[in-house]
């Protein structure tokens, strides 16, 4: 069965928060090193109420992916050209769902016409974003260490064999 993508609703916040926590714990070990203090600093601010406020904010464009009635992924643009969230349930990672969510969000960027899409990537997700045509341009501090600032020129083939992004 293929995933269903839909706009995230405030009522999705509880499941989305749980998915984000599970994804960070299982999928971001290179960042947190299973250190309880690091995980606590990272996860504590991500509450259902916080996620609900992200979904309610008019400038945010959030999507959730469901599979067999269960939330399997979440992605969110915080403003034109800024990818704020992209998390996939641990059991669904490396199966194309993250790329599907990113592609759909990229399509939503088209209406605002930014020339570049930015993301603050974890060390664990850096390879994923590189495969999607993003390049590292710097670092910034985070509760769990450092984030890799990455960007992708929209509408430009940025890596060998890539299909042109239809975002821009």
C-alpha atoms as a PDB file:
ATOM      1  CA  UNK A   1       0.000   0.000   0.000  1.00  0.00           C
ATOM      2  CA  UNK A   2       1.275   3.485  -0.802  1.00  0.00           C
ATOM      3  CA  UNK A   3       1.290   6.343   1.706  1.00  0.00           C
ATOM      4  CA  UNK A   4      -1.355   9.054   1.774  1.00  0.00           C
ATOM      5  CA  UNK A   5      -0.121  12.632   2.068  1.00  0.00           C
ATOM      6  CA  UNK A   6      -2.344  15.322   3.534  1.00  0.00           C
ATOM      7  CA  UNK A   7      -2.115  18.741   5.124  1.00  0.00           C
ATOM      8  CA  UNK A   8      -1.246  18.437   8.807  1.00  0.00           C
ATOM      9  CA  UNK A   9      -4.051  19.428  11.165  1.00  0.00           C
ATOM     10  CA  UNK A  10      -3.855  20.502  14.780  1.00  0.00           C
ATOM     11  CA  UNK A  11      -5.487  17.158  15.633  1.00  0.00           C
ATOM     12  CA  UNK A  12      -2.381  15.409  14.207  1.00  0.00           C
ATOM     13  CA  UNK A  13      -0.085  17.031  16.789  1.00  0.00           C
ATOM     14  CA  UNK A  14      -0.011  14.176  19.329  1.00  0.00           C
ATOM     15  CA  UNK A  15       0.899  11.526  16.736  1.00  0.00           C
ATOM     16  CA  UNK A  16       3.353  13.885  15.013  1.00  0.00           C
ATOM     17  CA  UNK A  17       5.116  14.651  18.298  1.00  0.00           C
ATOM     18  CA  UNK A  18       5.441  10.934  19.033  1.00  0.00           C
ATOM     19  CA  UNK A  19       6.799  10.275  15.517  1.00  0.00           C
ATOM     20  CA  UNK A  20       9.356  13.104  15.810  1.00  0.00           C
ATOM     21  CA  UNK A  21      10.574  11.762  19.172  1.00  0.00           C
ATOM     22  CA  UNK A  22      10.821   8.176  17.854  1.00  0.00           C
ATOM     23  CA  UNK A  23      12.643   9.331  14.735  1.00  0.00           C
ATOM     24  CA  UNK A  24      15.169  11.376  16.716  1.00  0.00           C
ATOM     25  CA  UNK A  25      15.807   8.578  19.227  1.00  0.00           C
ATOM     26  CA  UNK A  26      16.215   5.819  16.620  1.00  0.00           C
ATOM     27  CA  UNK A  27      17.447   7.712  13.573  1.00  0.00           C
ATOM     28  CA  UNK A  28      19.731  10.431  14.931  1.00  0.00           C
ATOM     29  CA  UNK A  29      22.197   8.389  16.981  1.00  0.00           C
ATOM     30  CA  UNK A  30      25.144  10.066  15.246  1.00  0.00           C
ATOM     31  CA  UNK A  31      23.892  13.322  16.752  1.00  0.00           C
ATOM     32  CA  UNK A  32      22.868  12.329  20.284  1.00  0.00           C
ATOM     33  CA  UNK A  33      25.108   9.296  20.834  1.00  0.00           C
ATOM     34  CA  UNK A  34      22.390   7.785  23.086  1.00  0.00           C
ATOM     35  CA  UNK A  35      23.324  10.399  25.707  1.00  0.00           C
ATOM     36  CA  UNK A  36      20.273  10.903  27.959  1.00  0.00           C
ATOM     37  CA  UNK A  37      21.151  14.542  28.704  1.00  0.00           C
ATOM     38  CA  UNK A  38      21.516  15.412  25.026  1.00  0.00           C
ATOM     39  CA  UNK A  39      18.260  13.630  24.185  1.00  0.00           C
ATOM     40  CA  UNK A  40      16.447  15.417  26.993  1.00  0.00           C
ATOM     41  CA  UNK A  41      17.616  18.849  25.780  1.00  0.00           C
ATOM     42  CA  UNK A  42      16.602  17.960  22.236  1.00  0.00           C
ATOM     43  CA  UNK A  43      13.224  16.332  22.903  1.00  0.00           C
ATOM     44  CA  UNK A  44      11.899  18.337  25.856  1.00  0.00           C
ATOM     45  CA  UNK A  45      10.813  21.402  23.825  1.00  0.00           C
ATOM     46  CA  UNK A  46       9.030  19.218  21.251  1.00  0.00           C
ATOM     47  CA  UNK A  47       5.639  18.737  22.905  1.00  0.00           C
ATOM     48  CA  UNK A  48       2.198  18.093  21.412  1.00  0.00           C
ATOM     49  CA  UNK A  49       1.280  21.706  22.244  1.00  0.00           C
ATOM     50  CA  UNK A  50       4.383  22.999  20.453  1.00  0.00           C
ATOM     51  CA  UNK A  51       3.692  20.835  17.396  1.00  0.00           C
ATOM     52  CA  UNK A  52       0.048  21.975  17.443  1.00  0.00           C
ATOM     53  CA  UNK A  53       1.213  25.603  17.391  1.00  0.00           C
ATOM     54  CA  UNK A  54       3.485  24.869  14.409  1.00  0.00           C
ATOM     55  CA  UNK A  55       0.552  23.364  12.511  1.00  0.00           C
ATOM     56  CA  UNK A  56      -1.741  26.272  13.429  1.00  0.00           C
ATOM     57  CA  UNK A  57       0.681  28.992  12.318  1.00  0.00           C
ATOM     58  CA  UNK A  58      -0.660  30.365   8.980  1.00  0.00           C
ATOM     59  CA  UNK A  59       2.792  30.759   7.381  1.00  0.00           C
ATOM     60  CA  UNK A  60       3.686  27.090   7.969  1.00  0.00           C
ATOM     61  CA  UNK A  61       2.894  24.426   5.404  1.00  0.00           C
ATOM     62  CA  UNK A  62       2.955  21.012   7.034  1.00  0.00           C
ATOM     63  CA  UNK A  63       2.209  17.603   5.547  1.00  0.00           C
ATOM     64  CA  UNK A  64       1.780  14.243   7.193  1.00  0.00           C
ATOM     65  CA  UNK A  65       2.133  10.878   5.503  1.00  0.00           C
ATOM     66  CA  UNK A  66      -0.021   8.008   6.703  1.00  0.00           C
ATOM     67  CA  UNK A  67       0.232   4.337   5.876  1.00  0.00           C
ATOM     68  CA  UNK A  68      -2.437   1.870   6.931  1.00  0.00           C
ATOM     69  CA  UNK A  69      -3.978   4.571   9.129  1.00  0.00           C
ATOM     70  CA  UNK A  70      -0.742   5.237  11.049  1.00  0.00           C
ATOM     71  CA  UNK A  71       1.375   8.367  10.775  1.00  0.00           C
ATOM     72  CA  UNK A  72       4.573   7.462   8.941  1.00  0.00           C
ATOM     73  CA  UNK A  73       6.170  10.836   8.234  1.00  0.00           C
ATOM     74  CA  UNK A  74       5.942  14.584   8.634  1.00  0.00           C
ATOM     75  CA  UNK A  75       7.415  17.518   6.767  1.00  0.00           C
ATOM     76  CA  UNK A  76       6.997  21.254   7.211  1.00  0.00           C
ATOM     77  CA  UNK A  77       8.013  24.477   5.504  1.00  0.00           C
ATOM     78  CA  UNK A  78       8.320  27.313   8.020  1.00  0.00           C
ATOM     79  CA  UNK A  79       8.527  30.068   5.436  1.00  0.00           C
ATOM     80  CA  UNK A  80       9.224  30.188   1.727  1.00  0.00           C
ATOM     81  CA  UNK A  81      12.560  28.538   1.170  1.00  0.00           C
ATOM     82  CA  UNK A  82      12.986  27.050   4.698  1.00  0.00           C
ATOM     83  CA  UNK A  83      12.406  23.359   5.385  1.00  0.00           C
ATOM     84  CA  UNK A  84      11.781  23.232   9.140  1.00  0.00           C
ATOM     85  CA  UNK A  85      10.877  19.561   9.674  1.00  0.00           C
ATOM     86  CA  UNK A  86      11.289  16.289   7.837  1.00  0.00           C
ATOM     87  CA  UNK A  87      10.930  13.180   9.990  1.00  0.00           C
ATOM     88  CA  UNK A  88      10.034   9.617   9.049  1.00  0.00           C
ATOM     89  CA  UNK A  89       9.011   6.826  11.415  1.00  0.00           C
ATOM     90  CA  UNK A  90      11.961   4.502  12.084  1.00  0.00           C
ATOM     91  CA  UNK A  91      10.236   1.506  10.436  1.00  0.00           C
ATOM     92  CA  UNK A  92       9.649   3.554   7.260  1.00  0.00           C
ATOM     93  CA  UNK A  93      13.115   5.077   6.874  1.00  0.00           C
ATOM     94  CA  UNK A  94      15.127   4.301   3.730  1.00  0.00           C
ATOM     95  CA  UNK A  95      11.994   3.359   1.780  1.00  0.00           C
ATOM     96  CA  UNK A  96      11.497   6.591  -0.175  1.00  0.00           C
ATOM     97  CA  UNK A  97       8.961   8.247   2.121  1.00  0.00           C
ATOM     98  CA  UNK A  98      11.286  11.100   3.119  1.00  0.00           C
ATOM     99  CA  UNK A  99      12.040  11.796  -0.550  1.00  0.00           C
ATOM    100  CA  UNK A 100       8.311  11.726  -1.340  1.00  0.00           C
ATOM    101  CA  UNK A 101       7.509  14.211   1.435  1.00  0.00           C
ATOM    102  CA  UNK A 102      10.389  16.448   0.344  1.00  0.00           C
ATOM    103  CA  UNK A 103       9.239  16.339  -3.279  1.00  0.00           C
ATOM    104  CA  UNK A 104       5.677  17.283  -2.310  1.00  0.00           C
ATOM    105  CA  UNK A 105       6.893  20.135  -0.092  1.00  0.00           C
ATOM    106  CA  UNK A 106       9.194  21.259  -2.898  1.00  0.00           C
ATOM    107  CA  UNK A 107       6.098  21.503  -5.089  1.00  0.00           C
ATOM    108  CA  UNK A 108       4.454  23.756  -2.507  1.00  0.00           C
ATOM    109  CA  UNK A 109       7.457  26.073  -2.604  1.00  0.00           C
ATOM    110  CA  UNK A 110       6.753  26.788  -6.278  1.00  0.00           C
ATOM    111  CA  UNK A 111       3.999  29.292  -5.478  1.00  0.00           C
ATOM    112  CA  UNK A 112       6.342  31.528  -3.481  1.00  0.00           C
ATOM    113  CA  UNK A 113       9.244  31.255  -5.934  1.00  0.00           C
ATOM    114  CA  UNK A 114      12.293  31.299  -3.672  1.00  0.00           C
ATOM    115  CA  UNK A 115      15.436  30.424  -5.589  1.00  0.00           C
ATOM    116  CA  UNK A 116      16.921  28.271  -2.835  1.00  0.00           C
ATOM    117  CA  UNK A 117      15.541  25.809  -0.276  1.00  0.00           C
ATOM    118  CA  UNK A 118      17.407  25.757   3.074  1.00  0.00           C
ATOM    119  CA  UNK A 119      17.438  23.152   5.830  1.00  0.00           C
ATOM    120  CA  UNK A 120      19.316  22.768   9.110  1.00  0.00           C
ATOM    121  CA  UNK A 121      20.174  19.075   8.920  1.00  0.00           C
ATOM    122  CA  UNK A 122      21.275  16.685  11.618  1.00  0.00           C
ATOM    123  CA  UNK A 123      24.520  14.812  11.009  1.00  0.00           C
ATOM    124  CA  UNK A 124      22.368  11.696  10.621  1.00  0.00           C
ATOM    125  CA  UNK A 125      20.267  13.219   7.803  1.00  0.00           C
ATOM    126  CA  UNK A 126      23.089  14.984   5.966  1.00  0.00           C
ATOM    127  CA  UNK A 127      23.574  12.075   3.544  1.00  0.00           C
ATOM    128  CA  UNK A 128      19.843  11.964   2.755  1.00  0.00           C
ATOM    129  CA  UNK A 129      19.766  15.661   1.926  1.00  0.00           C
ATOM    130  CA  UNK A 130      22.956  15.383  -0.148  1.00  0.00           C
ATOM    131  CA  UNK A 131      21.288  12.618  -2.207  1.00  0.00           C
ATOM    132  CA  UNK A 132      18.339  14.977  -2.758  1.00  0.00           C
ATOM    133  CA  UNK A 133      20.640  17.631  -4.234  1.00  0.00           C
ATOM    134  CA  UNK A 134      21.402  19.744  -1.150  1.00  0.00           C
ATOM    135  CA  UNK A 135      24.917  20.951  -0.389  1.00  0.00           C
ATOM    136  CA  UNK A 136      26.414  21.890   2.978  1.00  0.00           C
ATOM    137  CA  UNK A 137      27.095  25.606   3.361  1.00  0.00           C
ATOM    138  CA  UNK A 138      27.819  25.940   7.087  1.00  0.00           C
ATOM    139  CA  UNK A 139      26.971  24.930  10.651  1.00  0.00           C
ATOM    140  CA  UNK A 140      24.855  26.345  13.450  1.00  0.00           C
ATOM    141  CA  UNK A 141      24.571  25.397  17.140  1.00  0.00           C
ATOM    142  CA  UNK A 142      21.764  23.174  18.417  1.00  0.00           C
ATOM    143  CA  UNK A 143      20.725  21.534  21.703  1.00  0.00           C
ATOM    144  CA  UNK A 144      22.342  18.287  20.565  1.00  0.00           C
ATOM    145  CA  UNK A 145      25.545  19.759  19.146  1.00  0.00           C
ATOM    146  CA  UNK A 146      25.638  21.265  15.686  1.00  0.00           C
ATOM    147  CA  UNK A 147      23.311  21.328  12.709  1.00  0.00           C
ATOM    148  CA  UNK A 148      24.597  21.335   9.150  1.00  0.00           C
ATOM    149  CA  UNK A 149      23.158  24.234   7.142  1.00  0.00           C
ATOM    150  CA  UNK A 150      22.317  22.898   3.690  1.00  0.00           C
ATOM    151  CA  UNK A 151      20.752  24.414   0.625  1.00  0.00           C
ATOM    152  CA  UNK A 152      19.440  23.387  -2.742  1.00  0.00           C
ATOM    153  CA  UNK A 153      19.147  25.631  -5.756  1.00  0.00           C
ATOM    154  CA  UNK A 154      15.619  25.206  -7.031  1.00  0.00           C
ATOM    155  CA  UNK A 155      14.979  24.355 -10.655  1.00  0.00           C
ATOM    156  CA  UNK A 156      18.646  23.406 -11.148  1.00  0.00           C
ATOM    157  CA  UNK A 157      20.160  19.967 -11.634  1.00  0.00           C
ATOM    158  CA  UNK A 158      22.681  19.923  -8.795  1.00  0.00           C
ATOM    159  CA  UNK A 159      24.096  16.398  -8.847  1.00  0.00           C
ATOM    160  CA  UNK A 160      24.832  13.737 -11.496  1.00  0.00           C
ATOM    161  CA  UNK A 161      21.762  11.881 -12.676  1.00  0.00           C
ATOM    162  CA  UNK A 162      19.332  14.124 -10.800  1.00  0.00           C
ATOM    163  CA  UNK A 163      15.993  15.016 -12.254  1.00  0.00           C
ATOM    164  CA  UNK A 164      15.478  18.778 -12.316  1.00  0.00           C
ATOM    165  CA  UNK A 165      13.512  20.031  -9.324  1.00  0.00           C
ATOM    166  CA  UNK A 166      10.193  21.494 -10.388  1.00  0.00           C
ATOM    167  CA  UNK A 167      10.134  23.900  -7.470  1.00  0.00           C
ATOM    168  CA  UNK A 168      11.267  27.061  -9.145  1.00  0.00           C
END
